[in-house]
Amino acid sequence: HIQTSKDAYHSLAEKACTLLEMAFNMFNLNGENAFLKHWKDIEKSTNWY
């Protein structure tokens, strides 16, 4: 049994943040801008705030 100092959500969020930072570091400026454009165009549910 391994104890963590964080709850599961924060642990996974930290891993996701690290993954995104690494991905952005691999992008050149054009690739990063294209990714952000597509990210902003993703449709969100009307129930999301």
PDB file of N, CA and C in Angstrom:
ATOM      1  N   HIS A   1       0.849  -1.179   0.000  1.00  0.00           N
ATOM      2  CA  HIS A   1       0.000   0.000   0.000  1.00  0.00           C
ATOM      3  C   HIS A   1       0.891   1.237   0.000  1.00  0.00           C
ATOM      4  N   ILE A   2       0.699   2.079  -0.990  1.00  0.00           N
ATOM      5  CA  ILE A   2       1.504   3.295  -1.095  1.00  0.00           C
ATOM      6  C   ILE A   2       0.610   4.492  -0.812  1.00  0.00           C
ATOM      7  N   GLN A   3       1.040   5.316   0.101  1.00  0.00           N
ATOM      8  CA  GLN A   3       0.279   6.518   0.412  1.00  0.00           C
ATOM      9  C   GLN A   3       0.772   7.667  -0.452  1.00  0.00           C
ATOM     10  N   THR A   4      -0.163   8.503  -0.880  1.00  0.00           N
ATOM     11  CA  THR A   4       0.211   9.695  -1.630  1.00  0.00           C
ATOM     12  C   THR A   4      -0.203  10.913  -0.832  1.00  0.00           C
ATOM     13  N   SER A   5       0.508  11.983  -1.046  1.00  0.00           N
ATOM     14  CA  SER A   5       0.186  13.209  -0.319  1.00  0.00           C
ATOM     15  C   SER A   5      -0.958  13.969  -0.978  1.00  0.00           C
ATOM     16  N   LYS A   6      -1.429  13.485  -2.123  1.00  0.00           N
ATOM     17  CA  LYS A   6      -2.490  14.167  -2.861  1.00  0.00           C
ATOM     18  C   LYS A   6      -3.640  13.199  -3.101  1.00  0.00           C
ATOM     19  N   ASP A   7      -4.801  13.753  -3.386  1.00  0.00           N
ATOM     20  CA  ASP A   7      -5.904  12.882  -3.746  1.00  0.00           C
ATOM     21  C   ASP A   7      -5.753  12.467  -5.211  1.00  0.00           C
ATOM     22  N   ALA A   8      -6.578  11.542  -5.651  1.00  0.00           N
ATOM     23  CA  ALA A   8      -6.459  10.984  -7.000  1.00  0.00           C
ATOM     24  C   ALA A   8      -6.627  12.048  -8.078  1.00  0.00           C
ATOM     25  N   TYR A   9      -7.579  12.962  -7.902  1.00  0.00           N
ATOM     26  CA  TYR A   9      -7.811  13.994  -8.916  1.00  0.00           C
ATOM     27  C   TYR A   9      -6.552  14.822  -9.136  1.00  0.00           C
ATOM     28  N   HIS A  10      -5.960  15.319  -8.059  1.00  0.00           N
ATOM     29  CA  HIS A  10      -4.792  16.183  -8.200  1.00  0.00           C
ATOM     30  C   HIS A  10      -3.585  15.421  -8.737  1.00  0.00           C
ATOM     31  N   SER A  11      -3.487  14.170  -8.393  1.00  0.00           N
ATOM     32  CA  SER A  11      -2.399  13.355  -8.914  1.00  0.00           C
ATOM     33  C   SER A  11      -2.522  13.208 -10.428  1.00  0.00           C
ATOM     34  N   LEU A  12      -3.733  12.886 -10.904  1.00  0.00           N
ATOM     35  CA  LEU A  12      -3.950  12.747 -12.346  1.00  0.00           C
ATOM     36  C   LEU A  12      -3.842  14.085 -13.063  1.00  0.00           C
ATOM     37  N   ALA A  13      -4.319  15.154 -12.436  1.00  0.00           N
ATOM     38  CA  ALA A  13      -4.225  16.478 -13.048  1.00  0.00           C
ATOM     39  C   ALA A  13      -2.765  16.885 -13.217  1.00  0.00           C
ATOM     40  N   GLU A  14      -1.940  16.558 -12.253  1.00  0.00           N
ATOM     41  CA  GLU A  14      -0.510  16.867 -12.353  1.00  0.00           C
ATOM     42  C   GLU A  14       0.134  16.096 -13.504  1.00  0.00           C
ATOM     43  N   LYS A  15      -0.248  14.823 -13.665  1.00  0.00           N
ATOM     44  CA  LYS A  15       0.276  14.019 -14.773  1.00  0.00           C
ATOM     45  C   LYS A  15      -0.173  14.592 -16.113  1.00  0.00           C
ATOM     46  N   ALA A  16      -1.441  15.005 -16.212  1.00  0.00           N
ATOM     47  CA  ALA A  16      -1.955  15.584 -17.454  1.00  0.00           C
ATOM     48  C   ALA A  16      -1.242  16.888 -17.776  1.00  0.00           C
ATOM     49  N   CYS A  17      -0.991  17.692 -16.775  1.00  0.00           N
ATOM     50  CA  CYS A  17      -0.285  18.959 -16.966  1.00  0.00           C
ATOM     51  C   CYS A  17       1.127  18.704 -17.493  1.00  0.00           C
ATOM     52  N   THR A  18       1.802  17.729 -16.912  1.00  0.00           N
ATOM     53  CA  THR A  18       3.152  17.383 -17.363  1.00  0.00           C
ATOM     54  C   THR A  18       3.126  16.910 -18.807  1.00  0.00           C
ATOM     55  N   LEU A  19       2.150  16.081 -19.154  1.00  0.00           N
ATOM     56  CA  LEU A  19       2.023  15.589 -20.526  1.00  0.00           C
ATOM     57  C   LEU A  19       1.808  16.736 -21.505  1.00  0.00           C
ATOM     58  N   LEU A  20       0.915  17.673 -21.168  1.00  0.00           N
ATOM     59  CA  LEU A  20       0.669  18.813 -22.048  1.00  0.00           C
ATOM     60  C   LEU A  20       1.902  19.699 -22.175  1.00  0.00           C
ATOM     61  N   GLU A  21       2.602  19.934 -21.080  1.00  0.00           N
ATOM     62  CA  GLU A  21       3.821  20.747 -21.142  1.00  0.00           C
ATOM     63  C   GLU A  21       4.858  20.101 -22.050  1.00  0.00           C
ATOM     64  N   MET A  22       5.013  18.793 -21.961  1.00  0.00           N
ATOM     65  CA  MET A  22       5.973  18.098 -22.815  1.00  0.00           C
ATOM     66  C   MET A  22       5.547  18.173 -24.275  1.00  0.00           C
ATOM     67  N   ALA A  23       4.246  18.024 -24.533  1.00  0.00           N
ATOM     68  CA  ALA A  23       3.753  18.107 -25.909  1.00  0.00           C
ATOM     69  C   ALA A  23       3.980  19.499 -26.476  1.00  0.00           C
ATOM     70  N   PHE A  24       3.687  20.532 -25.694  1.00  0.00           N
ATOM     71  CA  PHE A  24       3.890  21.900 -26.171  1.00  0.00           C
ATOM     72  C   PHE A  24       5.368  22.193 -26.402  1.00  0.00           C
ATOM     73  N   ASN A  25       6.236  21.620 -25.612  1.00  0.00           N
ATOM     74  CA  ASN A  25       7.670  21.825 -25.813  1.00  0.00           C
ATOM     75  C   ASN A  25       8.155  21.203 -27.120  1.00  0.00           C
ATOM     76  N   MET A  26       7.447  20.176 -27.616  1.00  0.00           N
ATOM     77  CA  MET A  26       7.820  19.557 -28.888  1.00  0.00           C
ATOM     78  C   MET A  26       7.291  20.341 -30.085  1.00  0.00           C
ATOM     79  N   PHE A  27       6.224  21.111 -29.883  1.00  0.00           N
ATOM     80  CA  PHE A  27       5.650  21.877 -30.983  1.00  0.00           C
ATOM     81  C   PHE A  27       6.552  23.038 -31.359  1.00  0.00           C
ATOM     82  N   ASN A  28       6.543  23.379 -32.652  1.00  0.00           N
ATOM     83  CA  ASN A  28       7.102  24.667 -33.028  1.00  0.00           C
ATOM     84  C   ASN A  28       5.970  25.682 -32.903  1.00  0.00           C
ATOM     85  N   LEU A  29       6.223  26.945 -33.168  1.00  0.00           N
ATOM     86  CA  LEU A  29       5.212  27.979 -32.954  1.00  0.00           C
ATOM     87  C   LEU A  29       3.968  27.737 -33.811  1.00  0.00           C
ATOM     88  N   ASN A  30       4.132  27.316 -35.065  1.00  0.00           N
ATOM     89  CA  ASN A  30       2.980  27.062 -35.938  1.00  0.00           C
ATOM     90  C   ASN A  30       2.144  25.897 -35.423  1.00  0.00           C
ATOM     91  N   GLY A  31       2.797  24.841 -34.973  1.00  0.00           N
ATOM     92  CA  GLY A  31       2.074  23.688 -34.442  1.00  0.00           C
ATOM     93  C   GLY A  31       1.314  24.028 -33.175  1.00  0.00           C
ATOM     94  N   GLU A  32       1.929  24.824 -32.315  1.00  0.00           N
ATOM     95  CA  GLU A  32       1.264  25.219 -31.069  1.00  0.00           C
ATOM     96  C   GLU A  32       0.043  26.079 -31.365  1.00  0.00           C
ATOM     97  N   ASN A  33       0.169  27.025 -32.292  1.00  0.00           N
ATOM     98  CA  ASN A  33      -0.968  27.879 -32.652  1.00  0.00           C
ATOM     99  C   ASN A  33      -2.095  27.064 -33.272  1.00  0.00           C
ATOM    100  N   ALA A  34      -1.768  26.087 -34.118  1.00  0.00           N
ATOM    101  CA  ALA A  34      -2.792  25.236 -34.727  1.00  0.00           C
ATOM    102  C   ALA A  34      -3.507  24.415 -33.661  1.00  0.00           C
ATOM    103  N   PHE A  35      -2.760  23.859 -32.707  1.00  0.00           N
ATOM    104  CA  PHE A  35      -3.368  23.083 -31.633  1.00  0.00           C
ATOM    105  C   PHE A  35      -4.332  23.940 -30.826  1.00  0.00           C
ATOM    106  N   LEU A  36      -3.890  25.143 -30.453  1.00  0.00           N
ATOM    107  CA  LEU A  36      -4.737  26.019 -29.644  1.00  0.00           C
ATOM    108  C   LEU A  36      -5.992  26.429 -30.403  1.00  0.00           C
ATOM    109  N   LYS A  37      -5.883  26.648 -31.719  1.00  0.00           N
ATOM    110  CA  LYS A  37      -7.053  26.998 -32.529  1.00  0.00           C
ATOM    111  C   LYS A  37      -8.068  25.857 -32.492  1.00  0.00           C
ATOM    112  N   HIS A  38      -7.611  24.629 -32.703  1.00  0.00           N
ATOM    113  CA  HIS A  38      -8.523  23.477 -32.683  1.00  0.00           C
ATOM    114  C   HIS A  38      -9.079  23.236 -31.283  1.00  0.00           C
ATOM    115  N   TRP A  39      -8.270  23.440 -30.262  1.00  0.00           N
ATOM    116  CA  TRP A  39      -8.712  23.250 -28.875  1.00  0.00           C
ATOM    117  C   TRP A  39      -9.860  24.194 -28.552  1.00  0.00           C
ATOM    118  N   LYS A  40      -9.748  25.440 -29.002  1.00  0.00           N
ATOM    119  CA  LYS A  40     -10.788  26.433 -28.714  1.00  0.00           C
ATOM    120  C   LYS A  40     -12.071  26.155 -29.489  1.00  0.00           C
ATOM    121  N   ASP A  41     -11.975  25.422 -30.610  1.00  0.00           N
ATOM    122  CA  ASP A  41     -13.140  25.131 -31.437  1.00  0.00           C
ATOM    123  C   ASP A  41     -13.923  23.908 -30.972  1.00  0.00           C
ATOM    124  N   ILE A  42     -13.428  23.202 -29.970  1.00  0.00           N
ATOM    125  CA  ILE A  42     -14.132  22.017 -29.471  1.00  0.00           C
ATOM    126  C   ILE A  42     -15.458  22.454 -28.862  1.00  0.00           C
ATOM    127  N   GLU A  43     -16.524  21.773 -29.267  1.00  0.00           N
ATOM    128  CA  GLU A  43     -17.845  22.116 -28.732  1.00  0.00           C
ATOM    129  C   GLU A  43     -17.960  21.642 -27.288  1.00  0.00           C
ATOM    130  N   LYS A  44     -18.559  22.478 -26.490  1.00  0.00           N
ATOM    131  CA  LYS A  44     -18.785  22.140 -25.087  1.00  0.00           C
ATOM    132  C   LYS A  44     -20.285  21.949 -24.857  1.00  0.00           C
ATOM    133  N   SER A  45     -20.612  21.068 -23.979  1.00  0.00           N
ATOM    134  CA  SER A  45     -22.000  20.825 -23.626  1.00  0.00           C
ATOM    135  C   SER A  45     -22.629  22.105 -23.077  1.00  0.00           C
ATOM    136  N   THR A  46     -23.911  22.303 -23.331  1.00  0.00           N
ATOM    137  CA  THR A  46     -24.592  23.497 -22.832  1.00  0.00           C
ATOM    138  C   THR A  46     -24.676  23.504 -21.307  1.00  0.00           C
ATOM    139  N   ASN A  47     -24.477  22.348 -20.669  1.00  0.00           N
ATOM    140  CA  ASN A  47     -24.519  22.271 -19.209  1.00  0.00           C
ATOM    141  C   ASN A  47     -23.205  22.691 -18.562  1.00  0.00           C
ATOM    142  N   TRP A  48     -22.151  22.831 -19.354  1.00  0.00           N
ATOM    143  CA  TRP A  48     -20.854  23.233 -18.811  1.00  0.00           C
ATOM    144  C   TRP A  48     -20.822  24.735 -18.644  1.00  0.00           C
ATOM    145  N   TYR A  49     -20.146  25.187 -17.620  1.00  0.00           N
ATOM    146  CA  TYR A  49     -20.036  26.625 -17.375  1.00  0.00           C
ATOM    147  C   TYR A  49     -18.663  27.112 -17.705  1.00  0.00           C
TER     148      TYR A  49
END
